[in-house]
C-alpha atoms as a PDB file:
ATOM      1  CA  MET A   1       0.069  -0.055  -0.082  1.00  0.00           C
ATOM      2  CA  PRO A   2       1.625   3.286  -1.143  1.00  0.00           C
ATOM      3  CA  GLU A   3       1.528   6.323   1.027  1.00  0.00           C
ATOM      4  CA  ILE A   4      -0.196   9.513  -0.470  1.00  0.00           C
ATOM      5  CA  LEU A   5       2.533  11.843  -1.497  1.00  0.00           C
ATOM      6  CA  PRO A   6       1.608  15.504  -0.842  1.00  0.00           C
ATOM      7  CA  LEU A   7       2.543  17.774  -3.649  1.00  0.00           C
ATOM      8  CA  THR A   8       3.447  21.014  -2.220  1.00  0.00           C
ATOM      9  CA  GLY A   9       5.900  22.437  -4.774  1.00  0.00           C
ATOM     10  CA  VAL A  10       5.845  22.987  -8.454  1.00  0.00           C
ATOM     11  CA  ASP A  11       9.154  21.365  -9.090  1.00  0.00           C
ATOM     12  CA  GLU A  12       7.937  18.164  -7.301  1.00  0.00           C
ATOM     13  CA  TRP A  13       4.878  18.199  -9.239  1.00  0.00           C
ATOM     14  CA  ARG A  14       6.764  18.394 -12.524  1.00  0.00           C
ATOM     15  CA  ARG A  15       8.911  15.637 -11.455  1.00  0.00           C
ATOM     16  CA  VAL A  16       5.662  13.438 -11.006  1.00  0.00           C
ATOM     17  CA  TRP A  17       4.191  14.727 -14.302  1.00  0.00           C
ATOM     18  CA  ARG A  18       7.317  13.648 -16.303  1.00  0.00           C
ATOM     19  CA  SER A  19       7.839  10.387 -14.608  1.00  0.00           C
ATOM     20  CA  PRO A  20       7.385   7.222 -16.411  1.00  0.00           C
ATOM     21  CA  ARG A  21       5.547   5.718 -13.442  1.00  0.00           C
ATOM     22  CA  PRO A  22       1.885   6.599 -13.390  1.00  0.00           C
ATOM     23  CA  ALA A  23       0.492   8.786 -10.766  1.00  0.00           C
ATOM     24  CA  LEU A  24      -3.119   9.420  -9.577  1.00  0.00           C
ATOM     25  CA  ILE A  25      -3.246  13.055  -8.596  1.00  0.00           C
ATOM     26  CA  PHE A  26      -6.147  14.239  -6.356  1.00  0.00           C
ATOM     27  CA  LYS A  27      -6.704  17.953  -6.207  1.00  0.00           C
ATOM     28  CA  HIS A  28      -8.485  18.679  -2.860  1.00  0.00           C
ATOM     29  CA  SER A  29     -10.253  21.601  -1.587  1.00  0.00           C
ATOM     30  CA  THR A  30     -10.301  21.713   2.379  1.00  0.00           C
ATOM     31  CA  ARG A  31     -13.150  24.075   2.225  1.00  0.00           C
ATOM     32  CA  CYS A  32     -15.553  21.926   0.162  1.00  0.00           C
ATOM     33  CA  PRO A  33     -17.814  19.077   1.456  1.00  0.00           C
ATOM     34  CA  ILE A  34     -17.880  17.399  -2.060  1.00  0.00           C
ATOM     35  CA  SER A  35     -14.189  17.507  -2.010  1.00  0.00           C
ATOM     36  CA  ALA A  36     -14.052  15.965   1.416  1.00  0.00           C
ATOM     37  CA  ARG A  37     -16.252  13.100   0.298  1.00  0.00           C
ATOM     38  CA  ALA A  38     -13.950  12.445  -2.796  1.00  0.00           C
ATOM     39  CA  ASN A  39     -10.998  12.712  -0.512  1.00  0.00           C
ATOM     40  CA  ASP A  40     -12.246   9.868   1.618  1.00  0.00           C
ATOM     41  CA  ALA A  41     -12.799   7.868  -1.391  1.00  0.00           C
ATOM     42  CA  PHE A  42      -9.159   8.566  -2.626  1.00  0.00           C
ATOM     43  CA  VAL A  43      -7.723   7.632   0.833  1.00  0.00           C
ATOM     44  CA  ARG A  44      -9.729   4.306   0.799  1.00  0.00           C
ATOM     45  CA  TRP A  45      -8.374   3.618  -2.787  1.00  0.00           C
ATOM     46  CA  ALA A  46      -4.845   4.387  -1.849  1.00  0.00           C
ATOM     47  CA  GLY A  47      -5.145   2.380   1.287  1.00  0.00           C
ATOM     48  CA  GLY A  48      -6.118  -0.702  -0.656  1.00  0.00           C
ATOM     49  CA  ALA A  49      -3.805  -0.126  -3.629  1.00  0.00           C
ATOM     50  CA  ASP A  50      -0.862  -2.577  -4.107  1.00  0.00           C
ATOM     51  CA  ALA A  51       2.768  -1.429  -4.520  1.00  0.00           C
ATOM     52  CA  ASP A  52       2.519  -1.410  -8.342  1.00  0.00           C
ATOM     53  CA  ALA A  53      -0.623   0.807  -8.309  1.00  0.00           C
ATOM     54  CA  PRO A  54      -0.190   4.462  -9.648  1.00  0.00           C
ATOM     55  CA  LEU A  55       1.486   6.660  -7.206  1.00  0.00           C
ATOM     56  CA  PRO A  56      -1.097   8.354  -5.100  1.00  0.00           C
ATOM     57  CA  CYS A  57      -0.463  12.240  -4.909  1.00  0.00           C
ATOM     58  CA  ARG A  58      -2.580  14.965  -3.244  1.00  0.00           C
ATOM     59  CA  VAL A  59      -2.668  18.686  -4.009  1.00  0.00           C
ATOM     60  CA  LEU A  60      -4.413  20.893  -1.438  1.00  0.00           C
ATOM     61  CA  VAL A  61      -5.844  23.588  -3.986  1.00  0.00           C
ATOM     62  CA  VAL A  62      -6.189  26.417  -1.408  1.00  0.00           C
ATOM     63  CA  GLU A  63      -2.939  25.881   0.538  1.00  0.00           C
ATOM     64  CA  ASP A  64      -0.781  25.012  -2.482  1.00  0.00           C
ATOM     65  CA  ARG A  65      -2.398  27.317  -5.227  1.00  0.00           C
ATOM     66  CA  ALA A  66       0.692  27.468  -7.319  1.00  0.00           C
ATOM     67  CA  VAL A  67       0.847  23.712  -7.522  1.00  0.00           C
ATOM     68  CA  SER A  68      -2.902  23.382  -8.474  1.00  0.00           C
ATOM     69  CA  ASP A  69      -2.343  26.113 -11.124  1.00  0.00           C
ATOM     70  CA  ALA A  70       0.723  24.331 -12.574  1.00  0.00           C
ATOM     71  CA  VAL A  71      -1.300  21.052 -12.790  1.00  0.00           C
ATOM     72  CA  ALA A  72      -3.915  22.744 -14.865  1.00  0.00           C
ATOM     73  CA  ALA A  73      -1.389  24.546 -17.035  1.00  0.00           C
ATOM     74  CA  ASP A  74       0.691  21.573 -17.749  1.00  0.00           C
ATOM     75  CA  THR A  75      -1.992  19.085 -18.320  1.00  0.00           C
ATOM     76  CA  GLY A  76      -4.259  21.388 -20.197  1.00  0.00           C
ATOM     77  CA  VAL A  77      -7.203  20.142 -18.079  1.00  0.00           C
ATOM     78  CA  ALA A  78      -9.185  22.996 -16.557  1.00  0.00           C
ATOM     79  CA  HIS A  79      -9.062  23.309 -12.970  1.00  0.00           C
ATOM     80  CA  GLN A  80     -11.916  21.850 -10.927  1.00  0.00           C
ATOM     81  CA  SER A  81     -12.071  20.735  -7.283  1.00  0.00           C
ATOM     82  CA  PRO A  82     -12.342  18.091  -6.370  1.00  0.00           C
ATOM     83  CA  GLN A  83     -10.359  16.487  -9.316  1.00  0.00           C
ATOM     84  CA  ALA A  84      -8.585  13.384  -9.945  1.00  0.00           C
ATOM     85  CA  LEU A  85      -6.087  13.008 -12.912  1.00  0.00           C
ATOM     86  CA  LEU A  86      -4.015   9.839 -13.806  1.00  0.00           C
ATOM     87  CA  VAL A  87      -0.840  10.972 -15.449  1.00  0.00           C
ATOM     88  CA  GLN A  88       2.126   9.246 -16.901  1.00  0.00           C
ATOM     89  CA  GLY A  89       5.180  10.595 -18.710  1.00  0.00           C
ATOM     90  CA  GLY A  90       3.683  14.177 -19.439  1.00  0.00           C
ATOM     91  CA  ARG A  91       0.409  12.804 -20.446  1.00  0.00           C
ATOM     92  CA  VAL A  92      -2.978  12.731 -18.894  1.00  0.00           C
ATOM     93  CA  LEU A  93      -4.489   9.356 -19.155  1.00  0.00           C
ATOM     94  CA  TRP A  94      -7.757   9.962 -17.347  1.00  0.00           C
ATOM     95  CA  HIS A  95      -9.533  12.579 -15.288  1.00  0.00           C
ATOM     96  CA  ALA A  96     -12.835  13.002 -13.417  1.00  0.00           C
ATOM     97  CA  SER A  97     -14.097  15.711 -11.131  1.00  0.00           C
ATOM     98  CA  HIS A  98     -16.773  16.156  -8.337  1.00  0.00           C
ATOM     99  CA  TRP A  99     -19.327  13.278  -7.945  1.00  0.00           C
ATOM    100  CA  ALA A 100     -17.563  11.164 -10.647  1.00  0.00           C
ATOM    101  CA  ILE A 101     -14.753  10.637  -8.186  1.00  0.00           C
ATOM    102  CA  ASP A 102     -15.402   7.456  -5.998  1.00  0.00           C
ATOM    103  CA  GLU A 103     -13.345   4.507  -5.019  1.00  0.00           C
ATOM    104  CA  THR A 104     -14.701   2.411  -7.840  1.00  0.00           C
ATOM    105  CA  ALA A 105     -13.763   5.020 -10.477  1.00  0.00           C
ATOM    106  CA  LEU A 106     -10.278   5.531  -8.981  1.00  0.00           C
ATOM    107  CA  ALA A 107      -9.703   1.824  -8.935  1.00  0.00           C
ATOM    108  CA  ALA A 108     -11.064   1.561 -12.625  1.00  0.00           C
ATOM    109  CA  ALA A 109      -8.866   4.232 -13.694  1.00  0.00           C
ATOM    110  CA  ALA A 110      -5.723   2.783 -12.084  1.00  0.00           C
ATOM    111  CA  ALA A 111      -6.573  -0.608 -13.963  1.00  0.00           C
ATOM    112  CA  ASP A 112      -7.508   0.624 -17.277  1.00  0.00           C
ATOM    113  CA  PRO A 113      -8.052   4.425 -17.894  1.00  0.00           C
ATOM    114  CA  ALA A 114      -9.744   3.902 -21.367  1.00  0.00           C
ATOM    115  CA  THR A 115     -12.643   2.159 -19.829  1.00  0.00           C
ATOM    116  CA  ALA A 116     -12.994   3.919 -16.470  1.00  0.00           C
ATOM    117  CA  PRO A 117     -15.955   6.233 -15.621  1.00  0.00           C
ATOM    118  CA  GLY A 118     -14.899   9.811 -16.030  1.00  0.00           C
ATOM    119  CA  ARG A 119     -12.947  11.128 -19.005  1.00  0.00           C
ATOM    120  CA  SER A 120     -10.254   9.587 -21.154  1.00  0.00           C
ATOM    121  CA  THR A 121      -8.396  12.601 -22.446  1.00  0.00           C
ATOM    122  CA  THR A 122      -7.593  11.034 -25.766  1.00  0.00           C
ATOM    123  CA  LEU A 123     -10.360  13.105 -27.405  1.00  0.00           C
ATOM    124  CA  ALA A 124      -9.413  16.200 -25.377  1.00  0.00           C
ATOM    125  CA  GLN A 125      -5.746  15.723 -26.521  1.00  0.00           C
ATOM    126  CA  ALA A 126      -6.932  15.458 -30.086  1.00  0.00           C
ATOM    127  CA  LEU A 127      -9.143  18.688 -29.984  1.00  0.00           C
ATOM    128  CA  ARG A 128      -6.203  20.444 -28.206  1.00  0.00           C
ATOM    129  CA  GLU A 129      -3.741  19.474 -31.039  1.00  0.00           C
ATOM    130  CA  ARG A 130      -6.387  20.369 -33.569  1.00  0.00           C
ATOM    131  CA  ARG A 131      -6.916  23.719 -32.016  1.00  0.00           C
ATOM    132  CA  GLY A 132      -3.184  24.207 -32.160  1.00  0.00           C
ATOM    133  CA  SER A 133      -2.897  23.179 -35.903  1.00  0.00           C
ATOM    134  CA  THR A 134      -5.941  25.477 -36.612  1.00  0.00           C
ATOM    135  CA  ALA A 135      -4.205  28.493 -34.891  1.00  0.00           C
ATOM    136  CA  ALA A 136      -0.961  27.841 -36.776  1.00  0.00           C
ATOM    137  CA  SER A 137      -2.667  27.584 -40.094  1.00  0.00           C
ATOM    138  CA  ALA A 138      -4.548  30.791 -39.473  1.00  0.00           C
ATOM    139  CA  THR A 139      -1.104  32.841 -39.160  1.00  0.00           C
END
């Protein structure tokens, strides 16, 4: 069972973001009851995860705003709270927010992000790339 890694610095986040090891990032607002419920699910998932599961990481969005902003900027996934993102090697494999975050969804994302409830970002990445190529062709 891996311990939850608190991400409190932007450099620390970027090491996790670029790592070849998958990481499940949970962005938690300590001021929100919906986030508290999702955090409980995240803690339960992490507590039952085996050693080869994605690295569980938590960002406290109020206390560590710079890290939260860097996660949104680097991933291209608009900030929400609560929010869970499965990342690996500078790519977002899956993400979900609010009521879509529960222990079942987190376990499914860790096992197979393409079939997990929430959002696979394959389409989002394609749209982002398309917007980039459209903007480039307009100049």
